[in-house]
Structures are given as C-alpha cells and as structure tokens.
Amino acid sequence: MSARINSRRTLLPAAGWFLLIMVLLSLPGESFRNVQIGISDKLVHVLLFGAQLLLFWIALELPRARFRTQRQSLAVAASITFVFGMLSEPYQAAFTSRMADPYDAIANGIGVLAAGLLIRFFPREFLRFARKAYRLGIPEKK
C-alpha cells in the first residue's frame, strides 16, 4: 500500500471527527432542549475534544512520523486541538442562537489535557491499536 493511501486512511477519521464537532457546534440551541443523554454535557465536551486530539495525533504519527519526535507531534496536535476547543464557544455565540459557555471551553481544554496525558504515557499502545484499527501494515518503531 502506498504512503499516500495510508496518509488518507489516517487523516480521514480526524477530519470526519472535526466535521462532526462542527455540525454539533452549528446546530441551533433548540435542537438540544429535549435531548436527554444521561451524562453530563461537560463530559461530552471532554470526550469530543479528547478524541479529536487522539485522532489528530494518530494522523500526524502514522503512516510515517511527520515530526522528529512523538512529543513534537503531540505538542502540535494538542496546541491545534486546544485552540479549536477554545474557539468553539465564541463560534457558537457568533453563528448560532446558543450562548458561549466558558465552562464548556474549560471542559474542552480538560479533554485535550486528559487525552494528551494518556498519549504521553501510552503512545505505543495507542499506535498499536491505530495500526490494527486502520489496517495498516506498518511495523512498530522500537
């Protein structure tokens, strides 16, 4: 399989997750009034932006590392995801009928931080899982 196909295969989940978040951010406030999901709204923010960081980091690391070290790729992915999470609330206030909630922005940041810590301490496990999930025949770095 060519590196180009592998790059698309790792980038598509991150891009798709980004689009999902953008759709959710763009829905009018009335869309959520009667929605009962059984978990805290803040936990949803933590999970959405934590998953965004994980998928973006995997896209930067596989099929070939785009940075010298995994720490560099994690720092880039975390910085971009954090800025995205912080700008999501002003975006909602400007372009939808919903109000910006600073606690949602904090939850977004906590999701990025939590995912970043997990990636920092367990990078091999996440990459091993990603290779299997994305069906990439890429050998592990030792």
C-alpha atoms as a PDB file:
ATOM      1  CA  MET A   1       0.000   0.000   0.000  1.00  0.00           C
ATOM      2  CA  SER A   2       1.367   3.402  -0.837  1.00  0.00           C
ATOM      3  CA  ALA A   3       2.142   6.015   1.790  1.00  0.00           C
ATOM      4  CA  ARG A   4      -0.411   8.314   0.162  1.00  0.00           C
ATOM      5  CA  ILE A   5      -3.268   5.855   0.689  1.00  0.00           C
ATOM      6  CA  ASN A   6      -2.108   5.242   4.266  1.00  0.00           C
ATOM      7  CA  SER A   7      -1.968   9.005   4.900  1.00  0.00           C
ATOM      8  CA  ARG A   8      -5.571   9.377   3.752  1.00  0.00           C
ATOM      9  CA  ARG A   9      -6.607   6.404   5.837  1.00  0.00           C
ATOM     10  CA  THR A  10      -5.213   8.028   8.984  1.00  0.00           C
ATOM     11  CA  LEU A  11      -6.358  11.564   8.166  1.00  0.00           C
ATOM     12  CA  LEU A  12      -9.988  10.740   7.342  1.00  0.00           C
ATOM     13  CA  PRO A  13     -11.068   9.789  10.901  1.00  0.00           C
ATOM     14  CA  ALA A  14      -9.570  13.009  12.307  1.00  0.00           C
ATOM     15  CA  ALA A  15     -11.189  15.109   9.574  1.00  0.00           C
ATOM     16  CA  GLY A  16     -14.518  13.307   9.993  1.00  0.00           C
ATOM     17  CA  TRP A  17     -14.464  13.848  13.766  1.00  0.00           C
ATOM     18  CA  PHE A  18     -13.682  17.538  13.202  1.00  0.00           C
ATOM     19  CA  LEU A  19     -16.680  17.802  10.851  1.00  0.00           C
ATOM     20  CA  LEU A  20     -18.910  16.040  13.390  1.00  0.00           C
ATOM     21  CA  ILE A  21     -17.889  18.556  16.061  1.00  0.00           C
ATOM     22  CA  MET A  22     -18.506  21.451  13.644  1.00  0.00           C
ATOM     23  CA  VAL A  23     -22.001  20.129  12.830  1.00  0.00           C
ATOM     24  CA  LEU A  24     -22.791  19.782  16.544  1.00  0.00           C
ATOM     25  CA  LEU A  25     -21.466  23.290  17.195  1.00  0.00           C
ATOM     26  CA  SER A  26     -23.554  24.700  14.345  1.00  0.00           C
ATOM     27  CA  LEU A  27     -26.900  23.258  15.406  1.00  0.00           C
ATOM     28  CA  PRO A  28     -29.321  25.808  16.860  1.00  0.00           C
ATOM     29  CA  GLY A  29     -29.939  25.746  20.605  1.00  0.00           C
ATOM     30  CA  GLU A  30     -33.485  24.469  20.145  1.00  0.00           C
ATOM     31  CA  SER A  31     -32.050  21.199  18.825  1.00  0.00           C
ATOM     32  CA  PHE A  32     -30.789  20.263  22.291  1.00  0.00           C
ATOM     33  CA  ARG A  33     -33.611  21.348  24.607  1.00  0.00           C
ATOM     34  CA  ASN A  34     -35.289  17.936  24.857  1.00  0.00           C
ATOM     35  CA  VAL A  35     -32.203  15.774  24.392  1.00  0.00           C
ATOM     36  CA  GLN A  36     -31.513  13.569  27.406  1.00  0.00           C
ATOM     37  CA  ILE A  37     -28.282  11.601  27.018  1.00  0.00           C
ATOM     38  CA  GLY A  38     -27.831  10.564  30.637  1.00  0.00           C
ATOM     39  CA  ILE A  39     -24.339  12.030  31.065  1.00  0.00           C
ATOM     40  CA  SER A  40     -23.116  15.499  31.817  1.00  0.00           C
ATOM     41  CA  ASP A  41     -22.836  17.992  28.975  1.00  0.00           C
ATOM     42  CA  LYS A  42     -19.309  18.762  30.192  1.00  0.00           C
ATOM     43  CA  LEU A  43     -18.300  15.098  29.974  1.00  0.00           C
ATOM     44  CA  VAL A  44     -19.454  15.112  26.346  1.00  0.00           C
ATOM     45  CA  HIS A  45     -17.141  18.075  25.688  1.00  0.00           C
ATOM     46  CA  VAL A  46     -14.229  16.296  27.395  1.00  0.00           C
ATOM     47  CA  LEU A  47     -14.795  13.180  25.280  1.00  0.00           C
ATOM     48  CA  LEU A  48     -15.313  15.044  21.981  1.00  0.00           C
ATOM     49  CA  PHE A  49     -12.138  17.094  22.207  1.00  0.00           C
ATOM     50  CA  GLY A  50     -10.082  14.321  23.789  1.00  0.00           C
ATOM     51  CA  ALA A  51     -10.994  12.050  20.887  1.00  0.00           C
ATOM     52  CA  GLN A  52     -10.198  14.856  18.426  1.00  0.00           C
ATOM     53  CA  LEU A  53      -6.688  15.132  19.857  1.00  0.00           C
ATOM     54  CA  LEU A  54      -6.153  11.375  19.738  1.00  0.00           C
ATOM     55  CA  LEU A  55      -7.298  11.100  16.107  1.00  0.00           C
ATOM     56  CA  PHE A  56      -5.284  14.147  15.033  1.00  0.00           C
ATOM     57  CA  TRP A  57      -2.146  12.859  16.776  1.00  0.00           C
ATOM     58  CA  ILE A  58      -2.543   9.454  15.086  1.00  0.00           C
ATOM     59  CA  ALA A  59      -2.892  11.236  11.724  1.00  0.00           C
ATOM     60  CA  LEU A  60       0.410  13.015  12.394  1.00  0.00           C
ATOM     61  CA  GLU A  61       2.213   9.876  13.590  1.00  0.00           C
ATOM     62  CA  LEU A  62       1.006   7.287  11.066  1.00  0.00           C
ATOM     63  CA  PRO A  63       1.846   6.014   8.498  1.00  0.00           C
ATOM     64  CA  ARG A  64       5.108   7.881   8.974  1.00  0.00           C
ATOM     65  CA  ALA A  65       6.044  10.382  11.618  1.00  0.00           C
ATOM     66  CA  ARG A  66       5.858  13.950  10.346  1.00  0.00           C
ATOM     67  CA  PHE A  67       7.924  15.291  13.251  1.00  0.00           C
ATOM     68  CA  ARG A  68      11.261  14.316  14.738  1.00  0.00           C
ATOM     69  CA  THR A  69       9.737  13.026  17.989  1.00  0.00           C
ATOM     70  CA  GLN A  70       6.353  11.886  19.233  1.00  0.00           C
ATOM     71  CA  ARG A  71       6.467  14.728  21.758  1.00  0.00           C
ATOM     72  CA  GLN A  72       6.656  17.250  18.921  1.00  0.00           C
ATOM     73  CA  SER A  73       3.709  15.739  17.083  1.00  0.00           C
ATOM     74  CA  LEU A  74       1.744  15.588  20.340  1.00  0.00           C
ATOM     75  CA  ALA A  75       2.557  19.235  21.093  1.00  0.00           C
ATOM     76  CA  VAL A  76       1.411  20.314  17.617  1.00  0.00           C
ATOM     77  CA  ALA A  77      -1.769  18.210  17.731  1.00  0.00           C
ATOM     78  CA  ALA A  78      -2.590  19.326  21.284  1.00  0.00           C
ATOM     79  CA  SER A  79      -1.979  23.007  20.503  1.00  0.00           C
ATOM     80  CA  ILE A  80      -4.212  22.972  17.436  1.00  0.00           C
ATOM     81  CA  THR A  81      -6.938  20.964  19.177  1.00  0.00           C
ATOM     82  CA  PHE A  82      -6.794  23.223  22.241  1.00  0.00           C
ATOM     83  CA  VAL A  83      -7.192  26.368  20.110  1.00  0.00           C
ATOM     84  CA  PHE A  84     -10.070  24.696  18.250  1.00  0.00           C
ATOM     85  CA  GLY A  85     -11.714  23.867  21.594  1.00  0.00           C
ATOM     86  CA  MET A  86     -11.323  27.425  22.890  1.00  0.00           C
ATOM     87  CA  LEU A  87     -12.623  28.992  19.665  1.00  0.00           C
ATOM     88  CA  SER A  88     -15.630  26.675  19.527  1.00  0.00           C
ATOM     89  CA  GLU A  89     -17.531  28.661  22.142  1.00  0.00           C
ATOM     90  CA  PRO A  90     -17.142  32.100  20.506  1.00  0.00           C
ATOM     91  CA  TYR A  91     -18.081  30.380  17.221  1.00  0.00           C
ATOM     92  CA  GLN A  92     -21.340  29.175  18.772  1.00  0.00           C
ATOM     93  CA  ALA A  93     -22.135  32.630  20.126  1.00  0.00           C
ATOM     94  CA  ALA A  94     -21.423  34.313  16.782  1.00  0.00           C
ATOM     95  CA  PHE A  95     -23.042  31.874  14.362  1.00  0.00           C
ATOM     96  CA  THR A  96     -25.828  30.082  16.255  1.00  0.00           C
ATOM     97  CA  SER A  97     -28.584  31.005  18.658  1.00  0.00           C
ATOM     98  CA  ARG A  98     -26.641  29.482  21.560  1.00  0.00           C
ATOM     99  CA  MET A  99     -24.649  31.350  24.154  1.00  0.00           C
ATOM    100  CA  ALA A 100     -20.937  30.826  24.683  1.00  0.00           C
ATOM    101  CA  ASP A 101     -20.351  28.855  27.869  1.00  0.00           C
ATOM    102  CA  PRO A 102     -16.909  29.333  29.434  1.00  0.00           C
ATOM    103  CA  TYR A 103     -17.368  26.062  31.340  1.00  0.00           C
ATOM    104  CA  ASP A 104     -17.730  24.243  28.004  1.00  0.00           C
ATOM    105  CA  ALA A 105     -14.434  25.791  26.868  1.00  0.00           C
ATOM    106  CA  ILE A 106     -12.816  24.623  30.115  1.00  0.00           C
ATOM    107  CA  ALA A 107     -14.222  21.115  29.551  1.00  0.00           C
ATOM    108  CA  ASN A 108     -12.808  21.171  26.010  1.00  0.00           C
ATOM    109  CA  GLY A 109      -9.389  22.049  27.429  1.00  0.00           C
ATOM    110  CA  ILE A 110      -9.651  19.324  30.066  1.00  0.00           C
ATOM    111  CA  GLY A 111     -10.418  16.813  27.310  1.00  0.00           C
ATOM    112  CA  VAL A 112      -7.305  17.881  25.410  1.00  0.00           C
ATOM    113  CA  LEU A 113      -5.202  17.720  28.578  1.00  0.00           C
ATOM    114  CA  ALA A 114      -6.521  14.287  29.604  1.00  0.00           C
ATOM    115  CA  ALA A 115      -6.018  12.802  26.141  1.00  0.00           C
ATOM    116  CA  GLY A 116      -2.582  14.402  25.910  1.00  0.00           C
ATOM    117  CA  LEU A 117      -1.519  12.809  29.190  1.00  0.00           C
ATOM    118  CA  LEU A 118      -2.814   9.405  28.096  1.00  0.00           C
ATOM    119  CA  ILE A 119      -0.968   9.682  24.789  1.00  0.00           C
ATOM    120  CA  ARG A 120       2.186  10.903  26.517  1.00  0.00           C
ATOM    121  CA  PHE A 121       2.314   7.910  28.852  1.00  0.00           C
ATOM    122  CA  PHE A 122       0.951   5.208  26.495  1.00  0.00           C
ATOM    123  CA  PRO A 123       1.987   6.155  22.937  1.00  0.00           C
ATOM    124  CA  ARG A 124       2.898   2.629  21.819  1.00  0.00           C
ATOM    125  CA  GLU A 125      -0.435   1.224  22.920  1.00  0.00           C
ATOM    126  CA  PHE A 126      -2.386   3.898  21.039  1.00  0.00           C
ATOM    127  CA  LEU A 127      -0.281   3.463  17.906  1.00  0.00           C
ATOM    128  CA  ARG A 128      -0.570  -0.335  18.062  1.00  0.00           C
ATOM    129  CA  PHE A 129      -4.346  -0.016  18.336  1.00  0.00           C
ATOM    130  CA  ALA A 130      -4.429   2.514  15.474  1.00  0.00           C
ATOM    131  CA  ARG A 131      -2.378   0.266  13.179  1.00  0.00           C
ATOM    132  CA  LYS A 132      -4.884  -2.543  13.745  1.00  0.00           C
ATOM    133  CA  ALA A 133      -7.966  -0.320  13.548  1.00  0.00           C
ATOM    134  CA  TYR A 134      -6.818   1.397  10.347  1.00  0.00           C
ATOM    135  CA  ARG A 135      -5.499  -1.911   8.934  1.00  0.00           C
ATOM    136  CA  LEU A 136      -2.065  -0.518   8.313  1.00  0.00           C
ATOM    137  CA  GLY A 137       0.740  -2.948   7.675  1.00  0.00           C
ATOM    138  CA  ILE A 138       3.305  -0.671   9.255  1.00  0.00           C
ATOM    139  CA  PRO A 139       5.886  -2.214  11.575  1.00  0.00           C
ATOM    140  CA  GLU A 140       6.277  -0.681  15.022  1.00  0.00           C
ATOM    141  CA  LYS A 141       9.259   1.530  15.818  1.00  0.00           C
ATOM    142  CA  LYS A 142      11.423   0.165  18.593  1.00  0.00           C
END
